[in-house]
PDB file of N, CA and C in Angstrom:
ATOM      1  N   MET A   1      11.048  14.635  10.250  1.00  0.00           N
ATOM      2  CA  MET A   1      10.600  13.275  10.082  1.00  0.00           C
ATOM      3  C   MET A   1       9.071  13.264  10.058  1.00  0.00           C
ATOM      4  N   LEU A   2       8.516  12.622   9.061  1.00  0.00           N
ATOM      5  CA  LEU A   2       7.073  12.569   8.894  1.00  0.00           C
ATOM      6  C   LEU A   2       6.477  11.421   9.685  1.00  0.00           C
ATOM      7  N   LYS A   3       5.298  11.660  10.233  1.00  0.00           N
ATOM      8  CA  LYS A   3       4.623  10.619  10.985  1.00  0.00           C
ATOM      9  C   LYS A   3       3.573   9.951  10.119  1.00  0.00           C
ATOM     10  N   TRP A   4       3.221   8.751  10.486  1.00  0.00           N
ATOM     11  CA  TRP A   4       2.146   8.024   9.831  1.00  0.00           C
ATOM     12  C   TRP A   4       1.029   7.920  10.853  1.00  0.00           C
ATOM     13  N   THR A   5       0.083   8.849  10.788  1.00  0.00           N
ATOM     14  CA  THR A   5      -0.938   8.982  11.818  1.00  0.00           C
ATOM     15  C   THR A   5      -2.158   8.111  11.514  1.00  0.00           C
ATOM     16  N   LYS A   6      -3.113   8.150  12.416  1.00  0.00           N
ATOM     17  CA  LYS A   6      -4.325   7.352  12.281  1.00  0.00           C
ATOM     18  C   LYS A   6      -5.135   7.757  11.050  1.00  0.00           C
ATOM     19  N   GLU A   7      -5.045   9.009  10.643  1.00  0.00           N
ATOM     20  CA  GLU A   7      -5.763   9.476   9.456  1.00  0.00           C
ATOM     21  C   GLU A   7      -5.240   8.820   8.178  1.00  0.00           C
ATOM     22  N   HIS A   8      -4.048   8.255   8.226  1.00  0.00           N
ATOM     23  CA  HIS A   8      -3.438   7.622   7.067  1.00  0.00           C
ATOM     24  C   HIS A   8      -3.764   6.131   6.983  1.00  0.00           C
ATOM     25  N   ARG A   9      -4.624   5.640   7.875  1.00  0.00           N
ATOM     26  CA  ARG A   9      -4.898   4.205   7.926  1.00  0.00           C
ATOM     27  C   ARG A   9      -6.350   3.911   7.563  1.00  0.00           C
ATOM     28  N   LEU A  10      -6.549   2.820   6.862  1.00  0.00           N
ATOM     29  CA  LEU A  10      -7.890   2.292   6.646  1.00  0.00           C
ATOM     30  C   LEU A  10      -8.221   1.431   7.854  1.00  0.00           C
ATOM     31  N   LEU A  11      -9.337   1.705   8.505  1.00  0.00           N
ATOM     32  CA  LEU A  11      -9.648   0.988   9.733  1.00  0.00           C
ATOM     33  C   LEU A  11     -10.993   0.269   9.697  1.00  0.00           C
ATOM     34  N   LYS A  12     -11.913   0.718   8.865  1.00  0.00           N
ATOM     35  CA  LYS A  12     -13.271   0.196   8.912  1.00  0.00           C
ATOM     36  C   LYS A  12     -13.543  -0.780   7.773  1.00  0.00           C
ATOM     37  N   LYS A  13     -14.310  -1.809   8.081  1.00  0.00           N
ATOM     38  CA  LYS A  13     -14.622  -2.843   7.113  1.00  0.00           C
ATOM     39  C   LYS A  13     -15.282  -2.295   5.843  1.00  0.00           C
ATOM     40  N   PRO A  14     -16.225  -1.354   5.930  1.00  0.00           N
ATOM     41  CA  PRO A  14     -16.806  -0.825   4.680  1.00  0.00           C
ATOM     42  C   PRO A  14     -15.767  -0.176   3.766  1.00  0.00           C
ATOM     43  N   ASP A  15     -14.755   0.477   4.350  1.00  0.00           N
ATOM     44  CA  ASP A  15     -13.687   1.070   3.537  1.00  0.00           C
ATOM     45  C   ASP A  15     -12.880  -0.010   2.830  1.00  0.00           C
ATOM     46  N   PHE A  16     -12.577  -1.102   3.557  1.00  0.00           N
ATOM     47  CA  PHE A  16     -11.844  -2.216   2.955  1.00  0.00           C
ATOM     48  C   PHE A  16     -12.679  -2.843   1.837  1.00  0.00           C
ATOM     49  N   ASP A  17     -13.959  -3.088   2.109  1.00  0.00           N
ATOM     50  CA  ASP A  17     -14.829  -3.727   1.124  1.00  0.00           C
ATOM     51  C   ASP A  17     -14.936  -2.891  -0.148  1.00  0.00           C
ATOM     52  N   LEU A  18     -15.090  -1.585   0.001  1.00  0.00           N
ATOM     53  CA  LEU A  18     -15.186  -0.700  -1.153  1.00  0.00           C
ATOM     54  C   LEU A  18     -13.914  -0.754  -1.996  1.00  0.00           C
ATOM     55  N   CYS A  19     -12.780  -0.762  -1.333  1.00  0.00           N
ATOM     56  CA  CYS A  19     -11.495  -0.810  -2.035  1.00  0.00           C
ATOM     57  C   CYS A  19     -11.306  -2.150  -2.747  1.00  0.00           C
ATOM     58  N   TYR A  20     -11.710  -3.248  -2.087  1.00  0.00           N
ATOM     59  CA  TYR A  20     -11.608  -4.561  -2.727  1.00  0.00           C
ATOM     60  C   TYR A  20     -12.512  -4.654  -3.955  1.00  0.00           C
ATOM     61  N   GLU A  21     -13.718  -4.112  -3.870  1.00  0.00           N
ATOM     62  CA  GLU A  21     -14.685  -4.249  -4.952  1.00  0.00           C
ATOM     63  C   GLU A  21     -14.421  -3.297  -6.115  1.00  0.00           C
ATOM     64  N   GLN A  22     -14.101  -2.034  -5.813  1.00  0.00           N
ATOM     65  CA  GLN A  22     -13.991  -1.034  -6.871  1.00  0.00           C
ATOM     66  C   GLN A  22     -12.558  -0.651  -7.210  1.00  0.00           C
ATOM     67  N   GLY A  23     -11.609  -1.065  -6.400  1.00  0.00           N
ATOM     68  CA  GLY A  23     -10.226  -0.678  -6.630  1.00  0.00           C
ATOM     69  C   GLY A  23      -9.569  -1.476  -7.739  1.00  0.00           C
ATOM     70  N   LYS A  24      -8.528  -0.888  -8.324  1.00  0.00           N
ATOM     71  CA  LYS A  24      -7.741  -1.570  -9.343  1.00  0.00           C
ATOM     72  C   LYS A  24      -6.680  -2.424  -8.668  1.00  0.00           C
ATOM     73  N   LYS A  25      -6.416  -3.572  -9.242  1.00  0.00           N
ATOM     74  CA  LYS A  25      -5.383  -4.447  -8.711  1.00  0.00           C
ATOM     75  C   LYS A  25      -4.058  -4.145  -9.397  1.00  0.00           C
ATOM     76  N   HIS A  26      -3.017  -4.099  -8.604  1.00  0.00           N
ATOM     77  CA  HIS A  26      -1.654  -3.965  -9.115  1.00  0.00           C
ATOM     78  C   HIS A  26      -0.853  -5.109  -8.520  1.00  0.00           C
ATOM     79  N   TYR A  27      -0.106  -5.804  -9.367  1.00  0.00           N
ATOM     80  CA  TYR A  27       0.638  -6.973  -8.921  1.00  0.00           C
ATOM     81  C   TYR A  27       2.134  -6.697  -8.955  1.00  0.00           C
ATOM     82  N   THR A  28       2.823  -7.153  -7.924  1.00  0.00           N
ATOM     83  CA  THR A  28       4.278  -7.190  -7.925  1.00  0.00           C
ATOM     84  C   THR A  28       4.661  -8.645  -7.660  1.00  0.00           C
ATOM     85  N   LYS A  29       5.931  -8.893  -7.533  1.00  0.00           N
ATOM     86  CA  LYS A  29       6.379 -10.265  -7.298  1.00  0.00           C
ATOM     87  C   LYS A  29       5.834 -10.804  -5.975  1.00  0.00           C
ATOM     88  N   ASN A  30       5.806  -9.983  -4.936  1.00  0.00           N
ATOM     89  CA  ASN A  30       5.433 -10.447  -3.605  1.00  0.00           C
ATOM     90  C   ASN A  30       4.162  -9.836  -3.039  1.00  0.00           C
ATOM     91  N   PHE A  31       3.521  -8.917  -3.750  1.00  0.00           N
ATOM     92  CA  PHE A  31       2.353  -8.233  -3.204  1.00  0.00           C
ATOM     93  C   PHE A  31       1.248  -8.087  -4.238  1.00  0.00           C
ATOM     94  N   ILE A  32       0.027  -7.996  -3.739  1.00  0.00           N
ATOM     95  CA  ILE A  32      -1.120  -7.561  -4.528  1.00  0.00           C
ATOM     96  C   ILE A  32      -1.605  -6.281  -3.865  1.00  0.00           C
ATOM     97  N   LEU A  33      -1.786  -5.236  -4.655  1.00  0.00           N
ATOM     98  CA  LEU A  33      -2.268  -3.966  -4.130  1.00  0.00           C
ATOM     99  C   LEU A  33      -3.628  -3.669  -4.736  1.00  0.00           C
ATOM    100  N   PHE A  34      -4.572  -3.309  -3.887  1.00  0.00           N
ATOM    101  CA  PHE A  34      -5.871  -2.838  -4.325  1.00  0.00           C
ATOM    102  C   PHE A  34      -5.859  -1.331  -4.138  1.00  0.00           C
ATOM    103  N   VAL A  35      -6.045  -0.585  -5.223  1.00  0.00           N
ATOM    104  CA  VAL A  35      -5.945   0.872  -5.180  1.00  0.00           C
ATOM    105  C   VAL A  35      -7.253   1.489  -5.646  1.00  0.00           C
ATOM    106  N   LEU A  36      -7.845   2.289  -4.785  1.00  0.00           N
ATOM    107  CA  LEU A  36      -9.064   3.016  -5.112  1.00  0.00           C
ATOM    108  C   LEU A  36      -8.734   4.504  -5.086  1.00  0.00           C
ATOM    109  N   CYS A  37      -8.672   5.123  -6.275  1.00  0.00           N
ATOM    110  CA  CYS A  37      -8.272   6.529  -6.386  1.00  0.00           C
ATOM    111  C   CYS A  37      -9.442   7.459  -6.108  1.00  0.00           C
ATOM    112  N   HIS A  38      -9.135   8.595  -5.465  1.00  0.00           N
ATOM    113  CA  HIS A  38     -10.132   9.612  -5.153  1.00  0.00           C
ATOM    114  C   HIS A  38      -9.847  10.928  -5.858  1.00  0.00           C
ATOM    115  N   GLY A  39      -8.744  11.027  -6.559  1.00  0.00           N
ATOM    116  CA  GLY A  39      -8.371  12.275  -7.208  1.00  0.00           C
ATOM    117  C   GLY A  39      -6.871  12.477  -7.079  1.00  0.00           C
ATOM    118  N   SER A  40      -6.417  13.709  -7.324  1.00  0.00           N
ATOM    119  CA  SER A  40      -4.997  13.988  -7.207  1.00  0.00           C
ATOM    120  C   SER A  40      -4.777  15.076  -6.174  1.00  0.00           C
ATOM    121  N   GLY A  41      -3.566  15.106  -5.660  1.00  0.00           N
ATOM    122  CA  GLY A  41      -3.208  16.068  -4.630  1.00  0.00           C
ATOM    123  C   GLY A  41      -2.375  15.395  -3.561  1.00  0.00           C
ATOM    124  N   PRO A  42      -1.571  16.152  -2.850  1.00  0.00           N
ATOM    125  CA  PRO A  42      -0.690  15.542  -1.856  1.00  0.00           C
ATOM    126  C   PRO A  42      -1.437  15.146  -0.590  1.00  0.00           C
ATOM    127  N   GLY A  43      -0.881  14.166   0.111  1.00  0.00           N
ATOM    128  CA  GLY A  43      -1.357  13.812   1.443  1.00  0.00           C
ATOM    129  C   GLY A  43      -2.672  13.087   1.502  1.00  0.00           C
ATOM    130  N   GLY A  44      -3.075  12.435   0.448  1.00  0.00           N
ATOM    131  CA  GLY A  44      -4.367  11.793   0.460  1.00  0.00           C
ATOM    132  C   GLY A  44      -4.320  10.283   0.456  1.00  0.00           C
ATOM    133  N   VAL A  45      -3.253   9.689   0.922  1.00  0.00           N
ATOM    134  CA  VAL A  45      -3.122   8.235   0.879  1.00  0.00           C
ATOM    135  C   VAL A  45      -3.526   7.637   2.217  1.00  0.00           C
ATOM    136  N   ARG A  46      -4.392   6.624   2.142  1.00  0.00           N
ATOM    137  CA  ARG A  46      -4.710   5.836   3.330  1.00  0.00           C
ATOM    138  C   ARG A  46      -4.297   4.404   3.043  1.00  0.00           C
ATOM    139  N   LEU A  47      -3.671   3.774   4.010  1.00  0.00           N
ATOM    140  CA  LEU A  47      -3.089   2.453   3.837  1.00  0.00           C
ATOM    141  C   LEU A  47      -3.837   1.430   4.664  1.00  0.00           C
ATOM    142  N   GLY A  48      -4.161   0.300   4.041  1.00  0.00           N
ATOM    143  CA  GLY A  48      -4.747  -0.830   4.737  1.00  0.00           C
ATOM    144  C   GLY A  48      -3.859  -2.043   4.536  1.00  0.00           C
ATOM    145  N   LEU A  49      -3.725  -2.852   5.555  1.00  0.00           N
ATOM    146  CA  LEU A  49      -2.872  -4.035   5.482  1.00  0.00           C
ATOM    147  C   LEU A  49      -3.688  -5.270   5.824  1.00  0.00           C
ATOM    148  N   THR A  50      -3.594  -6.287   4.974  1.00  0.00           N
ATOM    149  CA  THR A  50      -4.260  -7.552   5.222  1.00  0.00           C
ATOM    150  C   THR A  50      -3.201  -8.639   5.145  1.00  0.00           C
ATOM    151  N   VAL A  51      -2.840  -9.199   6.290  1.00  0.00           N
ATOM    152  CA  VAL A  51      -1.833 -10.253   6.331  1.00  0.00           C
ATOM    153  C   VAL A  51      -2.472 -11.472   6.990  1.00  0.00           C
ATOM    154  N   SER A  52      -2.647 -12.511   6.207  1.00  0.00           N
ATOM    155  CA  SER A  52      -3.330 -13.717   6.656  1.00  0.00           C
ATOM    156  C   SER A  52      -2.485 -14.515   7.646  1.00  0.00           C
ATOM    157  N   ARG A  53      -3.151 -15.306   8.446  1.00  0.00           N
ATOM    158  CA  ARG A  53      -2.443 -16.204   9.372  1.00  0.00           C
ATOM    159  C   ARG A  53      -1.622 -17.242   8.635  1.00  0.00           C
ATOM    160  N   LYS A  54      -1.924 -17.441   7.374  1.00  0.00           N
ATOM    161  CA  LYS A  54      -1.157 -18.391   6.569  1.00  0.00           C
ATOM    162  C   LYS A  54       0.286 -17.927   6.382  1.00  0.00           C
ATOM    163  N   LYS A  55       0.526 -16.626   6.583  1.00  0.00           N
ATOM    164  CA  LYS A  55       1.884 -16.087   6.431  1.00  0.00           C
ATOM    165  C   LYS A  55       2.797 -16.499   7.579  1.00  0.00           C
ATOM    166  N   GLY A  56       2.224 -16.972   8.687  1.00  0.00           N
ATOM    167  CA  GLY A  56       3.063 -17.413   9.793  1.00  0.00           C
ATOM    168  C   GLY A  56       2.565 -16.870  11.115  1.00  0.00           C
ATOM    169  N   PRO A  57       3.387 -17.031  12.142  1.00  0.00           N
ATOM    170  CA  PRO A  57       2.985 -16.548  13.474  1.00  0.00           C
ATOM    171  C   PRO A  57       2.927 -15.022  13.522  1.00  0.00           C
ATOM    172  N   ALA A  58       2.408 -14.504  14.619  1.00  0.00           N
ATOM    173  CA  ALA A  58       2.187 -13.062  14.765  1.00  0.00           C
ATOM    174  C   ALA A  58       3.471 -12.258  14.560  1.00  0.00           C
ATOM    175  N   VAL A  59       4.603 -12.792  14.984  1.00  0.00           N
ATOM    176  CA  VAL A  59       5.870 -12.071  14.835  1.00  0.00           C
ATOM    177  C   VAL A  59       6.160 -11.803  13.356  1.00  0.00           C
ATOM    178  N   VAL A  60       5.943 -12.797  12.526  1.00  0.00           N
ATOM    179  CA  VAL A  60       6.210 -12.662  11.089  1.00  0.00           C
ATOM    180  C   VAL A  60       5.195 -11.709  10.450  1.00  0.00           C
ATOM    181  N   ARG A  61       3.919 -11.871  10.790  1.00  0.00           N
ATOM    182  CA  ARG A  61       2.887 -10.994  10.216  1.00  0.00           C
ATOM    183  C   ARG A  61       3.129  -9.540  10.612  1.00  0.00           C
ATOM    184  N   ASN A  62       3.501  -9.306  11.848  1.00  0.00           N
ATOM    185  CA  ASN A  62       3.757  -7.941  12.303  1.00  0.00           C
ATOM    186  C   ASN A  62       4.984  -7.345  11.633  1.00  0.00           C
ATOM    187  N   ARG A  63       5.987  -8.162  11.361  1.00  0.00           N
ATOM    188  CA  ARG A  63       7.179  -7.672  10.664  1.00  0.00           C
ATOM    189  C   ARG A  63       6.809  -7.182   9.266  1.00  0.00           C
ATOM    190  N   ILE A  64       5.981  -7.951   8.563  1.00  0.00           N
ATOM    191  CA  ILE A  64       5.543  -7.550   7.230  1.00  0.00           C
ATOM    192  C   ILE A  64       4.827  -6.199   7.309  1.00  0.00           C
ATOM    193  N   LYS A  65       3.925  -6.056   8.272  1.00  0.00           N
ATOM    194  CA  LYS A  65       3.164  -4.809   8.413  1.00  0.00           C
ATOM    195  C   LYS A  65       4.074  -3.638   8.782  1.00  0.00           C
ATOM    196  N   ARG A  66       5.045  -3.872   9.655  1.00  0.00           N
ATOM    197  CA  ARG A  66       5.968  -2.793  10.043  1.00  0.00           C
ATOM    198  C   ARG A  66       6.766  -2.291   8.850  1.00  0.00           C
ATOM    199  N   VAL A  67       7.264  -3.218   8.035  1.00  0.00           N
ATOM    200  CA  VAL A  67       8.080  -2.826   6.881  1.00  0.00           C
ATOM    201  C   VAL A  67       7.242  -2.028   5.883  1.00  0.00           C
ATOM    202  N   ILE A  68       6.020  -2.465   5.604  1.00  0.00           N
ATOM    203  CA  ILE A  68       5.164  -1.765   4.645  1.00  0.00           C
ATOM    204  C   ILE A  68       4.789  -0.376   5.164  1.00  0.00           C
ATOM    205  N   ARG A  69       4.440  -0.288   6.440  1.00  0.00           N
ATOM    206  CA  ARG A  69       4.103   1.027   7.010  1.00  0.00           C
ATOM    207  C   ARG A  69       5.305   1.968   6.959  1.00  0.00           C
ATOM    208  N   GLU A  70       6.484   1.456   7.246  1.00  0.00           N
ATOM    209  CA  GLU A  70       7.685   2.297   7.205  1.00  0.00           C
ATOM    210  C   GLU A  70       7.963   2.769   5.779  1.00  0.00           C
ATOM    211  N   PHE A  71       7.783   1.882   4.801  1.00  0.00           N
ATOM    212  CA  PHE A  71       7.961   2.283   3.402  1.00  0.00           C
ATOM    213  C   PHE A  71       7.037   3.445   3.064  1.00  0.00           C
ATOM    214  N   PHE A  72       5.763   3.330   3.421  1.00  0.00           N
ATOM    215  CA  PHE A  72       4.815   4.388   3.091  1.00  0.00           C
ATOM    216  C   PHE A  72       5.061   5.644   3.905  1.00  0.00           C
ATOM    217  N   ARG A  73       5.546   5.523   5.101  1.00  0.00           N
ATOM    218  CA  ARG A  73       5.878   6.714   5.877  1.00  0.00           C
ATOM    219  C   ARG A  73       6.997   7.493   5.187  1.00  0.00           C
ATOM    220  N   LEU A  74       8.000   6.777   4.688  1.00  0.00           N
ATOM    221  CA  LEU A  74       9.136   7.427   4.047  1.00  0.00           C
ATOM    222  C   LEU A  74       8.788   8.001   2.669  1.00  0.00           C
ATOM    223  N   TYR A  75       7.893   7.348   1.948  1.00  0.00           N
ATOM    224  CA  TYR A  75       7.610   7.728   0.567  1.00  0.00           C
ATOM    225  C   TYR A  75       6.258   8.416   0.385  1.00  0.00           C
ATOM    226  N   GLN A  76       5.604   8.821   1.470  1.00  0.00           N
ATOM    227  CA  GLN A  76       4.274   9.407   1.342  1.00  0.00           C
ATOM    228  C   GLN A  76       4.262  10.711   0.549  1.00  0.00           C
ATOM    229  N   ASN A  77       5.339  11.461   0.572  1.00  0.00           N
ATOM    230  CA  ASN A  77       5.375  12.724  -0.177  1.00  0.00           C
ATOM    231  C   ASN A  77       5.552  12.508  -1.673  1.00  0.00           C
ATOM    232  N   GLN A  78       6.001  11.331  -2.079  1.00  0.00           N
ATOM    233  CA  GLN A  78       6.194  11.061  -3.500  1.00  0.00           C
ATOM    234  C   GLN A  78       4.927  10.571  -4.179  1.00  0.00           C
ATOM    235  N   ILE A  79       3.903  10.228  -3.410  1.00  0.00           N
ATOM    236  CA  ILE A  79       2.647   9.755  -3.980  1.00  0.00           C
ATOM    237  C   ILE A  79       1.771  10.965  -4.272  1.00  0.00           C
ATOM    238  N   LYS A  80       1.454  11.172  -5.534  1.00  0.00           N
ATOM    239  CA  LYS A  80       0.731  12.370  -5.968  1.00  0.00           C
ATOM    240  C   LYS A  80      -0.759  12.136  -6.150  1.00  0.00           C
ATOM    241  N   VAL A  81      -1.272  11.030  -5.687  1.00  0.00           N
ATOM    242  CA  VAL A  81      -2.670  10.698  -5.886  1.00  0.00           C
ATOM    243  C   VAL A  81      -3.345  10.513  -4.527  1.00  0.00           C
ATOM    244  N   GLN A  82      -4.628  10.879  -4.465  1.00  0.00           N
ATOM    245  CA  GLN A  82      -5.411  10.606  -3.264  1.00  0.00           C
ATOM    246  C   GLN A  82      -6.053   9.244  -3.459  1.00  0.00           C
ATOM    247  N   ALA A  83      -5.702   8.286  -2.607  1.00  0.00           N
ATOM    248  CA  ALA A  83      -6.176   6.926  -2.821  1.00  0.00           C
ATOM    249  C   ALA A  83      -6.186   6.137  -1.526  1.00  0.00           C
ATOM    250  N   ASP A  84      -6.990   5.080  -1.542  1.00  0.00           N
ATOM    251  CA  ASP A  84      -6.932   4.062  -0.508  1.00  0.00           C
ATOM    252  C   ASP A  84      -6.169   2.889  -1.111  1.00  0.00           C
ATOM    253  N   ILE A  85      -5.183   2.401  -0.381  1.00  0.00           N
ATOM    254  CA  ILE A  85      -4.348   1.305  -0.874  1.00  0.00           C
ATOM    255  C   ILE A  85      -4.376   0.178   0.153  1.00  0.00           C
ATOM    256  N   ILE A  86      -4.719  -1.026  -0.308  1.00  0.00           N
ATOM    257  CA  ILE A  86      -4.683  -2.201   0.560  1.00  0.00           C
ATOM    258  C   ILE A  86      -3.590  -3.127   0.068  1.00  0.00           C
ATOM    259  N   PHE A  87      -2.760  -3.575   1.000  1.00  0.00           N
ATOM    260  CA  PHE A  87      -1.673  -4.488   0.710  1.00  0.00           C
ATOM    261  C   PHE A  87      -2.038  -5.890   1.119  1.00  0.00           C
ATOM    262  N   VAL A  88      -1.808  -6.841   0.222  1.00  0.00           N
ATOM    263  CA  VAL A  88      -1.973  -8.253   0.539  1.00  0.00           C
ATOM    264  C   VAL A  88      -0.697  -8.957   0.089  1.00  0.00           C
ATOM    265  N   PRO A  89       0.078  -9.535   1.020  1.00  0.00           N
ATOM    266  CA  PRO A  89       1.284 -10.254   0.601  1.00  0.00           C
ATOM    267  C   PRO A  89       0.930 -11.579  -0.057  1.00  0.00           C
ATOM    268  N   LYS A  90       1.685 -11.931  -1.086  1.00  0.00           N
ATOM    269  CA  LYS A  90       1.480 -13.203  -1.760  1.00  0.00           C
ATOM    270  C   LYS A  90       2.115 -14.328  -0.950  1.00  0.00           C
ATOM    271  N   ARG A  91       1.761 -15.539  -1.313  1.00  0.00           N
ATOM    272  CA  ARG A  91       2.311 -16.698  -0.598  1.00  0.00           C
ATOM    273  C   ARG A  91       3.822 -16.810  -0.766  1.00  0.00           C
ATOM    274  N   ALA A  92       4.327 -16.351  -1.893  1.00  0.00           N
ATOM    275  CA  ALA A  92       5.755 -16.472  -2.174  1.00  0.00           C
ATOM    276  C   ALA A  92       6.617 -15.628  -1.234  1.00  0.00           C
ATOM    277  N   LEU A  93       6.034 -14.617  -0.605  1.00  0.00           N
ATOM    278  CA  LEU A  93       6.806 -13.730   0.267  1.00  0.00           C
ATOM    279  C   LEU A  93       7.212 -14.452   1.541  1.00  0.00           C
ATOM    280  N   ASP A  94       8.506 -14.428   1.822  1.00  0.00           N
ATOM    281  CA  ASP A  94       9.007 -14.985   3.075  1.00  0.00           C
ATOM    282  C   ASP A  94       9.050 -13.850   4.093  1.00  0.00           C
ATOM    283  N   GLY A  95       8.121 -13.868   5.033  1.00  0.00           N
ATOM    284  CA  GLY A  95       7.987 -12.789   5.998  1.00  0.00           C
ATOM    285  C   GLY A  95       9.187 -12.604   6.893  1.00  0.00           C
ATOM    286  N   LYS A  96       9.956 -13.653   7.087  1.00  0.00           N
ATOM    287  CA  LYS A  96      11.143 -13.556   7.948  1.00  0.00           C
ATOM    288  C   LYS A  96      12.274 -12.788   7.264  1.00  0.00           C
ATOM    289  N   LYS A  97      12.244 -12.746   5.934  1.00  0.00           N
ATOM    290  CA  LYS A  97      13.354 -12.131   5.194  1.00  0.00           C
ATOM    291  C   LYS A  97      12.984 -10.799   4.554  1.00  0.00           C
ATOM    292  N   ILE A  98      11.770 -10.314   4.787  1.00  0.00           N
ATOM    293  CA  ILE A  98      11.369  -9.052   4.166  1.00  0.00           C
ATOM    294  C   ILE A  98      12.167  -7.896   4.776  1.00  0.00           C
ATOM    295  N   THR A  99      12.616  -7.002   3.917  1.00  0.00           N
ATOM    296  CA  THR A  99      13.374  -5.830   4.359  1.00  0.00           C
ATOM    297  C   THR A  99      12.795  -4.593   3.687  1.00  0.00           C
ATOM    298  N   LEU A 100      13.193  -3.452   4.183  1.00  0.00           N
ATOM    299  CA  LEU A 100      12.768  -2.200   3.576  1.00  0.00           C
ATOM    300  C   LEU A 100      13.306  -2.085   2.152  1.00  0.00           C
ATOM    301  N   GLY A 101      14.497  -2.608   1.918  1.00  0.00           N
ATOM    302  CA  GLY A 101      15.075  -2.589   0.573  1.00  0.00           C
ATOM    303  C   GLY A 101      14.235  -3.365  -0.433  1.00  0.00           C
ATOM    304  N   LEU A 102      13.737  -4.528  -0.019  1.00  0.00           N
ATOM    305  CA  LEU A 102      12.880  -5.326  -0.888  1.00  0.00           C
ATOM    306  C   LEU A 102      11.591  -4.572  -1.193  1.00  0.00           C
ATOM    307  N   ALA A 103      11.009  -3.961  -0.172  1.00  0.00           N
ATOM    308  CA  ALA A 103       9.776  -3.196  -0.369  1.00  0.00           C
ATOM    309  C   ALA A 103      10.030  -2.018  -1.312  1.00  0.00           C
ATOM    310  N   GLU A 104      11.140  -1.306  -1.131  1.00  0.00           N
ATOM    311  CA  GLU A 104      11.459  -0.172  -2.005  1.00  0.00           C
ATOM    312  C   GLU A 104      11.625  -0.624  -3.445  1.00  0.00           C
ATOM    313  N   LYS A 105      12.306  -1.735  -3.625  1.00  0.00           N
ATOM    314  CA  LYS A 105      12.575  -2.245  -4.966  1.00  0.00           C
ATOM    315  C   LYS A 105      11.273  -2.564  -5.705  1.00  0.00           C
ATOM    316  N   GLU A 106      10.341  -3.214  -5.025  1.00  0.00           N
ATOM    317  CA  GLU A 106       9.100  -3.621  -5.682  1.00  0.00           C
ATOM    318  C   GLU A 106       8.075  -2.503  -5.769  1.00  0.00           C
ATOM    319  N   LEU A 107       7.970  -1.720  -4.732  1.00  0.00           N
ATOM    320  CA  LEU A 107       6.849  -0.783  -4.647  1.00  0.00           C
ATOM    321  C   LEU A 107       7.125   0.563  -5.292  1.00  0.00           C
ATOM    322  N   SER A 108       8.379   0.883  -5.535  1.00  0.00           N
ATOM    323  CA  SER A 108       8.668   2.160  -6.197  1.00  0.00           C
ATOM    324  C   SER A 108       8.081   2.188  -7.608  1.00  0.00           C
ATOM    325  N   THR A 109       8.059   1.038  -8.286  1.00  0.00           N
ATOM    326  CA  THR A 109       7.454   0.991  -9.625  1.00  0.00           C
ATOM    327  C   THR A 109       5.941   1.201  -9.552  1.00  0.00           C
ATOM    328  N   VAL A 110       5.312   0.665  -8.514  1.00  0.00           N
ATOM    329  CA  VAL A 110       3.868   0.842  -8.360  1.00  0.00           C
ATOM    330  C   VAL A 110       3.540   2.306  -8.086  1.00  0.00           C
ATOM    331  N   ILE A 111       4.364   2.970  -7.282  1.00  0.00           N
ATOM    332  CA  ILE A 111       4.145   4.390  -6.993  1.00  0.00           C
ATOM    333  C   ILE A 111       4.251   5.221  -8.265  1.00  0.00           C
ATOM    334  N   SER A 112       5.232   4.906  -9.107  1.00  0.00           N
ATOM    335  CA  SER A 112       5.366   5.664 -10.353  1.00  0.00           C
ATOM    336  C   SER A 112       4.159   5.421 -11.263  1.00  0.00           C
ATOM    337  N   LYS A 113       3.604   4.194 -11.279  1.00  0.00           N
ATOM    338  CA  LYS A 113       2.396   3.929 -12.066  1.00  0.00           C
ATOM    339  C   LYS A 113       1.216   4.730 -11.538  1.00  0.00           C
ATOM    340  N   LEU A 114       1.085   4.794 -10.217  1.00  0.00           N
ATOM    341  CA  LEU A 114      -0.018   5.551  -9.618  1.00  0.00           C
ATOM    342  C   LEU A 114       0.098   7.032  -9.956  1.00  0.00           C
ATOM    343  N   ASN A 115       1.313   7.564  -9.910  1.00  0.00           N
ATOM    344  CA  ASN A 115       1.517   8.965 -10.250  1.00  0.00           C
ATOM    345  C   ASN A 115       1.180   9.253 -11.709  1.00  0.00           C
ATOM    346  N   LYS A 116       1.503   8.321 -12.612  1.00  0.00           N
ATOM    347  CA  LYS A 116       1.152   8.494 -14.028  1.00  0.00           C
ATOM    348  C   LYS A 116      -0.351   8.474 -14.203  1.00  0.00           C
ATOM    349  N   LEU A 117      -1.035   7.601 -13.459  1.00  0.00           N
ATOM    350  CA  LEU A 117      -2.501   7.565 -13.532  1.00  0.00           C
ATOM    351  C   LEU A 117      -3.095   8.886 -13.063  1.00  0.00           C
ATOM    352  N   ALA A 118      -2.516   9.456 -12.023  1.00  0.00           N
ATOM    353  CA  ALA A 118      -3.008  10.734 -11.490  1.00  0.00           C
ATOM    354  C   ALA A 118      -2.843  11.845 -12.522  1.00  0.00           C
ATOM    355  N   VAL A 119      -1.711  11.856 -13.209  1.00  0.00           N
ATOM    356  CA  VAL A 119      -1.468  12.866 -14.235  1.00  0.00           C
ATOM    357  C   VAL A 119      -2.459  12.699 -15.370  1.00  0.00           C
ATOM    358  N   ASN A 120      -2.717  11.440 -15.774  1.00  0.00           N
ATOM    359  CA  ASN A 120      -3.662  11.181 -16.866  1.00  0.00           C
ATOM    360  C   ASN A 120      -5.088  11.582 -16.472  1.00  0.00           C
ATOM    361  N   GLN A 121      -5.472  11.353 -15.231  1.00  0.00           N
ATOM    362  CA  GLN A 121      -6.813  11.726 -14.785  1.00  0.00           C
ATOM    363  C   GLN A 121      -6.994  13.238 -14.784  1.00  0.00           C
ATOM    364  N   VAL A 122      -5.959  13.974 -14.401  1.00  0.00           N
ATOM    365  CA  VAL A 122      -6.041  15.423 -14.367  1.00  0.00           C
ATOM    366  C   VAL A 122      -6.158  15.983 -15.789  1.00  0.00           C
ATOM    367  N   GLN A 123      -5.460  15.383 -16.746  1.00  0.00           N
ATOM    368  CA  GLN A 123      -5.476  15.872 -18.128  1.00  0.00           C
ATOM    369  C   GLN A 123      -6.797  15.599 -18.831  1.00  0.00           C
ATOM    370  N   GLU A 124      -7.535  14.594 -18.387  1.00  0.00           N
ATOM    371  CA  GLU A 124      -8.787  14.219 -19.080  1.00  0.00           C
ATOM    372  C   GLU A 124      -9.919  15.113 -18.756  1.00  0.00           C
TER     373      GLU A 124
END
């Protein structure tokens, strides 16, 4: 079982700001992802989570963060790019009903797009 350690997290404001300013936006039905690529290779993903108070009380916000972290813990070996990724849930997302299945359904397509970008960057 793989762990999601502190090295896999974005923690500092300058890192978040850089990702917001220079990262590419990827949209799904319930999420906006800011992705700042650093190259290709395994094990280079750092995850940042931004969940506004508008999403609800702390219980709901923490549930959203737990589900996203668990998704990335399970799928970290499938991401072939070194990148910083920030997650922002859209207003349409109901935090009380979010499940790992919903996250897998939406985010697996984003992971495949990121992997294609990594392959294209290596070929150029």
